[in-house]
Each structure stands twice: as C-alpha cells, then as structure tokens.
C-alpha cells in the first residue's frame, strides 16, 4: 500500500462526529461537508470556511489528510519547505529564519521592512512565528512582543468550544495550600465554573469560564498563570520526596 493510500485510509477511519480542531470545536464531518459543498481545494480554504487549523495549527496536518482523502487526486499539497509564512509575504518559514540570522534582524518591524511585507503591521498568522524566530535566534537582543503571541497565550486561557475557556493557575510540582484551594473554590462558585479537573501536570484546571470573565477570574484567583496555553516545555511532575 502506498503512503498516500495509508493516509487516505487513516483519514477515512475517523468518525464524522470526531473533533478535529479542539480550539474551534470543528468536527471531521463539518470539514468534509464544507469541502464538498463549497469546493475547497486547500488548507487555507478550510481555515477560511470552517475555522479549523486557524488557531494553534496543531490539526493542520490532519485537515490536509481529510482534504486529500475527500477530493483525491485533485489535491496536491505544496512542498512544506516552500509554503509562505502567511498571506503577508511569499517567503517561507525557513527563508524568514535564515534572513533573521544573516541580516541580524532583532525586531518584527525590521523583518517586515527588510523582506518587504505586503501589510504594514502583519497579521495574526505571521506575527507569532516572527516573534518566536526573533527571540530564539537573538535571545539577548530581541524582545518578546506580547501582542504577537497566540490568542491562548495572550488571554492566559485555552479557548474552547462555544467561546468558553479553561484556566490553569500555577502550582509548582503540584504543591498548593489551603488558602489557594479556597480561592480556587470561591472563583469556581462566583463565576459558576461548570467543570473542575485535576490535570496530568499536577494542577487544577477550571473549565467553562467565558472570555469576558477572564480578567476578573485571574484577579480573584490572585495566582500566577500556569502557562498551559502555548507551546512551552511541559510541566515537571514531582513526588514529595524527603
């Protein structure tokens, strides 16, 4: 069986009701329906019409597999190393990274000017990777731009279905106190948080807050964010020890 046939069979095996995009609550069935009814032929088309893969992007590969399985030979994916970073430029991710290093660029504005970006201020798709590439290439010089982080990182919450959010206060190695637990309980009751869950990272996750409540939730918690919302290093799990 060819590699493409394997991809098609895996995509076909996923139930239509299965959630593909957790950020925006998009199922496989919704994607297939949009492909067939609207004549979609690219990942960008899927993003525009269904919102799948338009937030964190982790489901982009699966969306492409579903697209390929649905329209068959009509779909020819672009070479991954040549895909433009966003609609604001024709340059690929690797070309942008190479230019940042070769030209010693240390700001988003500097990158956009040098590479002649189509838009003056970029977009929500190109600013987060630019921010990351600059900091990772020149950590002592480039400065983090908070407004260029992904929406989950800016809000300190995972945006979930129906515009609700999950909030994860920081707990070093799962250590907490009675006072912290009282505040968490008070917040859960005040904002009528429907689901409270112990995570695999030894923290407490509050599911179901509305986006407009987040500022109040964090103020009332009085605890730092657990930074469970971007693509950082995973939390370190610990035992009590001595």
Protein backbone atom coordinates (compact mmCIF):
# COMPACT_ATOMS: atom_id res chain seq x y z
CA UNK A 1 0.00 0.00 0.00
CA UNK A 2 1.36 3.44 -0.94
CA UNK A 3 1.99 6.14 1.65
CA UNK A 4 -0.88 8.18 0.19
CA UNK A 5 -3.24 5.21 0.46
CA UNK A 6 -2.28 4.80 4.12
CA UNK A 7 -3.04 8.49 4.75
CA UNK A 8 -6.40 8.18 2.98
CA UNK A 9 -7.37 5.08 4.97
CA UNK A 10 -6.46 6.74 8.28
CA UNK A 11 -8.45 9.85 7.44
CA UNK A 12 -11.41 7.74 6.27
CA UNK A 13 -11.35 5.75 9.52
CA UNK A 14 -12.05 8.87 11.60
CA UNK A 15 -15.71 9.19 12.51
CA UNK A 16 -17.56 12.22 11.13
CA UNK A 17 -18.50 13.18 14.69
CA UNK A 18 -14.86 13.18 15.85
CA UNK A 19 -13.48 16.59 16.80
CA UNK A 20 -10.55 17.57 14.58
CA UNK A 21 -9.95 21.14 15.74
CA UNK A 22 -10.15 21.41 19.53
CA UNK A 23 -9.55 25.16 19.52
CA UNK A 24 -12.67 25.93 17.49
CA UNK A 25 -14.75 22.79 18.02
CA UNK A 26 -14.78 21.66 14.37
CA UNK A 27 -15.61 18.03 13.58
CA UNK A 28 -14.43 15.92 10.66
CA UNK A 29 -17.97 15.88 9.29
CA UNK A 30 -18.14 19.67 9.22
CA UNK A 31 -14.84 19.81 7.30
CA UNK A 32 -15.91 17.17 4.77
CA UNK A 33 -19.26 18.90 4.28
CA UNK A 34 -17.53 22.25 3.62
CA UNK A 35 -15.09 20.61 1.18
CA UNK A 36 -17.90 19.01 -0.83
CA UNK A 37 -20.41 21.86 -0.72
CA UNK A 38 -18.03 24.80 -1.17
CA UNK A 39 -15.48 23.15 -3.45
CA UNK A 40 -12.49 23.62 -1.15
CA UNK A 41 -9.07 22.69 -2.54
CA UNK A 42 -6.52 23.94 0.02
CA UNK A 43 -5.80 24.13 3.73
CA UNK A 44 -6.30 27.90 3.58
CA UNK A 45 -9.79 27.28 2.15
CA UNK A 46 -10.59 25.02 5.12
CA UNK A 47 -9.34 27.66 7.56
CA UNK A 48 -11.49 30.38 5.98
CA UNK A 49 -14.71 28.38 5.77
CA UNK A 50 -14.57 26.22 8.92
CA UNK A 51 -12.00 27.92 11.23
CA UNK A 52 -10.29 24.53 11.66
CA UNK A 53 -6.46 24.85 11.95
CA UNK A 54 -6.78 28.64 12.16
CA UNK A 55 -5.79 28.97 15.83
CA UNK A 56 -2.88 26.91 17.18
CA UNK A 57 -2.45 24.99 13.90
CA UNK A 58 -1.73 21.61 15.50
CA UNK A 59 -4.54 19.97 13.49
CA UNK A 60 -3.36 21.34 10.12
CA UNK A 61 -1.80 18.02 9.08
CA UNK A 62 -4.98 16.09 9.84
CA UNK A 63 -7.08 18.68 7.98
CA UNK A 64 -4.85 18.21 4.92
CA UNK A 65 -5.23 14.42 5.19
CA UNK A 66 -9.01 14.78 5.30
CA UNK A 67 -8.88 17.14 2.31
CA UNK A 68 -6.70 14.71 0.36
CA UNK A 69 -8.94 11.74 1.22
CA UNK A 70 -12.07 13.68 0.25
CA UNK A 71 -11.07 15.08 -3.13
CA UNK A 72 -8.40 12.50 -4.04
CA UNK A 73 -6.12 13.35 -6.93
CA UNK A 74 -7.46 16.88 -7.19
CA UNK A 75 -5.40 17.80 -4.14
CA UNK A 76 -1.66 18.43 -4.50
CA UNK A 77 -0.09 19.74 -1.29
CA UNK A 78 2.58 22.40 -1.63
CA UNK A 79 6.10 21.49 -0.58
CA UNK A 80 6.19 22.16 3.14
CA UNK A 81 9.52 23.99 2.96
CA UNK A 82 8.14 26.43 0.37
CA UNK A 83 4.82 27.35 1.94
CA UNK A 84 4.62 31.10 2.58
CA UNK A 85 4.69 32.05 6.23
CA UNK A 86 1.36 33.88 5.71
CA UNK A 87 -0.57 35.84 3.12
CA UNK A 88 1.53 38.88 4.03
CA UNK A 89 4.62 37.50 2.28
CA UNK A 90 5.84 34.98 -0.30
CA UNK A 91 8.77 33.95 1.92
CA UNK A 92 8.71 30.57 3.66
CA UNK A 93 9.33 29.97 7.35
CA UNK A 94 12.89 28.80 6.66
CA UNK A 95 13.67 31.78 4.43
CA UNK A 96 12.47 34.15 7.14
CA UNK A 97 14.56 32.39 9.80
CA UNK A 98 17.65 32.42 7.58
CA UNK A 99 17.20 36.14 6.85
CA UNK A 100 16.80 36.99 10.55
CA UNK A 101 20.13 35.34 11.27
CA UNK A 102 22.03 36.52 8.16
CA UNK A 103 20.90 40.16 8.50
CA UNK A 104 20.96 40.24 12.31
CA UNK A 105 17.35 41.41 12.47
CA UNK A 106 16.04 41.84 16.02
CA UNK A 107 12.51 43.26 15.63
CA UNK A 108 9.30 42.30 13.86
CA UNK A 109 9.14 45.70 12.15
CA UNK A 110 12.72 45.24 10.96
CA UNK A 111 11.93 41.85 9.41
CA UNK A 112 8.84 43.23 7.68
CA UNK A 113 10.73 46.19 6.24
CA UNK A 114 13.69 44.14 5.02
CA UNK A 115 11.53 41.42 3.42
CA UNK A 116 9.02 43.98 2.06
CA UNK A 117 5.92 42.65 3.82
CA UNK A 118 2.67 43.30 1.93
CA UNK A 119 0.93 44.64 5.04
CA UNK A 120 2.37 47.27 7.34
CA UNK A 121 1.54 45.51 10.60
CA UNK A 122 1.35 41.84 9.63
CA UNK A 123 -1.47 39.55 10.75
CA UNK A 124 -2.40 37.03 13.44
CA UNK A 125 -0.78 34.26 11.40
CA UNK A 126 2.66 35.80 10.77
CA UNK A 127 3.33 37.78 13.96
CA UNK A 128 3.51 34.82 16.42
CA UNK A 129 6.16 32.89 14.41
CA UNK A 130 8.13 36.08 13.76
CA UNK A 131 8.16 36.81 17.49
CA UNK A 132 9.37 33.28 18.23
CA UNK A 133 12.02 33.22 15.49
CA UNK A 134 13.48 36.54 16.64
CA UNK A 135 13.70 35.56 20.31
CA UNK A 136 15.08 32.09 19.60
CA UNK A 137 17.72 33.47 17.21
CA UNK A 138 18.78 36.54 19.23
CA UNK A 139 17.65 35.84 22.84
CA UNK A 140 19.82 38.55 24.32
CA UNK A 141 18.69 41.27 21.92
CA UNK A 142 15.21 40.64 20.52
CA UNK A 143 12.34 41.45 22.88
CA UNK A 144 9.15 39.47 23.25
CA UNK A 145 6.12 41.26 21.76
CA UNK A 146 3.09 40.31 23.91
CA UNK A 147 0.57 41.26 21.22
CA UNK A 148 2.25 38.83 18.81
CA UNK A 149 1.58 35.79 20.98
CA UNK A 150 -1.16 33.34 20.07
CA UNK A 151 -4.59 34.20 21.46
CA UNK A 152 -4.41 31.45 24.13
CA UNK A 153 -1.15 32.87 25.46
CA UNK A 154 -2.44 36.46 25.42
CA UNK A 155 -5.58 35.52 27.31
CA UNK A 156 -3.83 33.04 29.63
CA UNK A 157 -6.61 30.57 28.87
CA UNK A 158 -7.32 27.78 26.41
CA UNK A 159 -10.14 28.94 24.14
CA UNK A 160 -12.54 26.02 23.76
CA UNK A 161 -15.96 25.22 22.35
CA UNK A 162 -18.69 27.84 22.39
CA UNK A 163 -16.15 30.57 23.29
CA UNK A 164 -15.61 29.16 26.80
CA UNK A 165 -12.13 28.91 28.31
CA UNK A 166 -10.10 26.74 30.62
CA UNK A 167 -7.95 28.46 33.25
CA UNK A 168 -4.93 26.82 34.90
CA UNK A 169 -3.31 28.57 37.88
CA UNK A 170 0.36 27.78 38.51
CA UNK A 171 1.27 25.11 41.05
CA UNK A 172 4.97 24.29 41.27
CA UNK A 173 5.23 20.50 41.19
CA UNK A 174 1.62 20.17 42.35
CA UNK A 175 2.32 21.96 45.65
CA UNK A 176 -0.57 24.09 46.87
CA UNK A 177 -2.04 25.46 50.09
CA UNK A 178 -5.38 25.66 51.84
CA UNK A 179 -5.59 29.37 51.01
CA UNK A 180 -5.01 28.73 47.28
CA UNK A 181 -7.64 26.00 47.24
CA UNK A 182 -10.15 28.28 48.97
CA UNK A 183 -9.57 30.98 46.35
CA UNK A 184 -9.98 28.45 43.54
CA UNK A 185 -13.23 27.20 45.11
CA UNK A 186 -14.50 30.77 45.60
CA UNK A 187 -13.74 31.64 41.96
CA UNK A 188 -15.43 28.46 40.73
CA UNK A 189 -18.59 29.34 42.67
CA UNK A 190 -18.56 33.07 41.83
CA UNK A 191 -18.20 32.51 38.07
CA UNK A 192 -20.24 29.28 38.05
CA UNK A 193 -17.41 27.25 36.55
CA UNK A 194 -19.10 24.02 35.41
CA UNK A 195 -16.08 21.68 35.43
CA UNK A 196 -13.04 21.47 37.73
CA UNK A 197 -10.39 18.90 36.86
CA UNK A 198 -7.05 17.71 38.20
CA UNK A 199 -4.63 17.74 35.26
CA UNK A 200 -1.84 15.33 34.42
CA UNK A 201 0.57 18.16 35.22
CA UNK A 202 -0.46 18.21 38.91
CA UNK A 203 -2.57 21.35 38.63
CA UNK A 204 -6.24 22.31 38.88
CA UNK A 205 -7.97 23.29 35.64
CA UNK A 206 -11.15 25.39 35.65
CA UNK A 207 -13.19 24.64 32.51
CA UNK A 208 -16.06 26.75 31.21
CA UNK A 209 -15.27 30.38 32.02
CA UNK A 210 -16.40 32.95 29.46
CA UNK A 211 -13.76 35.04 27.73
CA UNK A 212 -15.16 38.30 29.11
CA UNK A 213 -14.76 36.92 32.65
CA UNK A 214 -11.04 36.12 32.39
CA UNK A 215 -9.72 39.38 33.84
CA UNK A 216 -11.97 39.01 36.90
CA UNK A 217 -11.14 35.31 37.26
CA UNK A 218 -7.40 35.99 37.37
CA UNK A 219 -7.77 38.96 39.71
CA UNK A 220 -9.85 36.93 42.15
CA UNK A 221 -7.52 33.92 41.97
CA UNK A 222 -4.52 36.07 42.84
CA UNK A 223 -2.27 33.32 41.46
CA UNK A 224 0.21 33.35 38.56
CA UNK A 225 -0.78 31.69 35.29
CA UNK A 226 0.35 28.12 34.85
CA UNK A 227 1.27 28.90 31.20
CA UNK A 228 -0.65 25.87 29.94
CA UNK A 229 -1.76 27.70 26.82
CA UNK A 230 1.09 27.94 24.32
CA UNK A 231 3.74 25.51 23.15
CA UNK A 232 6.13 25.67 26.10
CA UNK A 233 8.07 22.96 27.90
CA UNK A 234 5.71 20.59 29.68
CA UNK A 235 5.31 20.90 33.44
CA UNK A 236 7.67 18.79 35.55
CA UNK A 237 5.84 16.20 37.64
CA UNK A 238 7.24 15.59 41.13
CA UNK A 239 6.82 13.41 44.20
CA UNK A 240 7.04 14.73 47.75
CA UNK A 241 10.49 13.31 48.40
CA UNK A 242 12.20 13.92 51.75
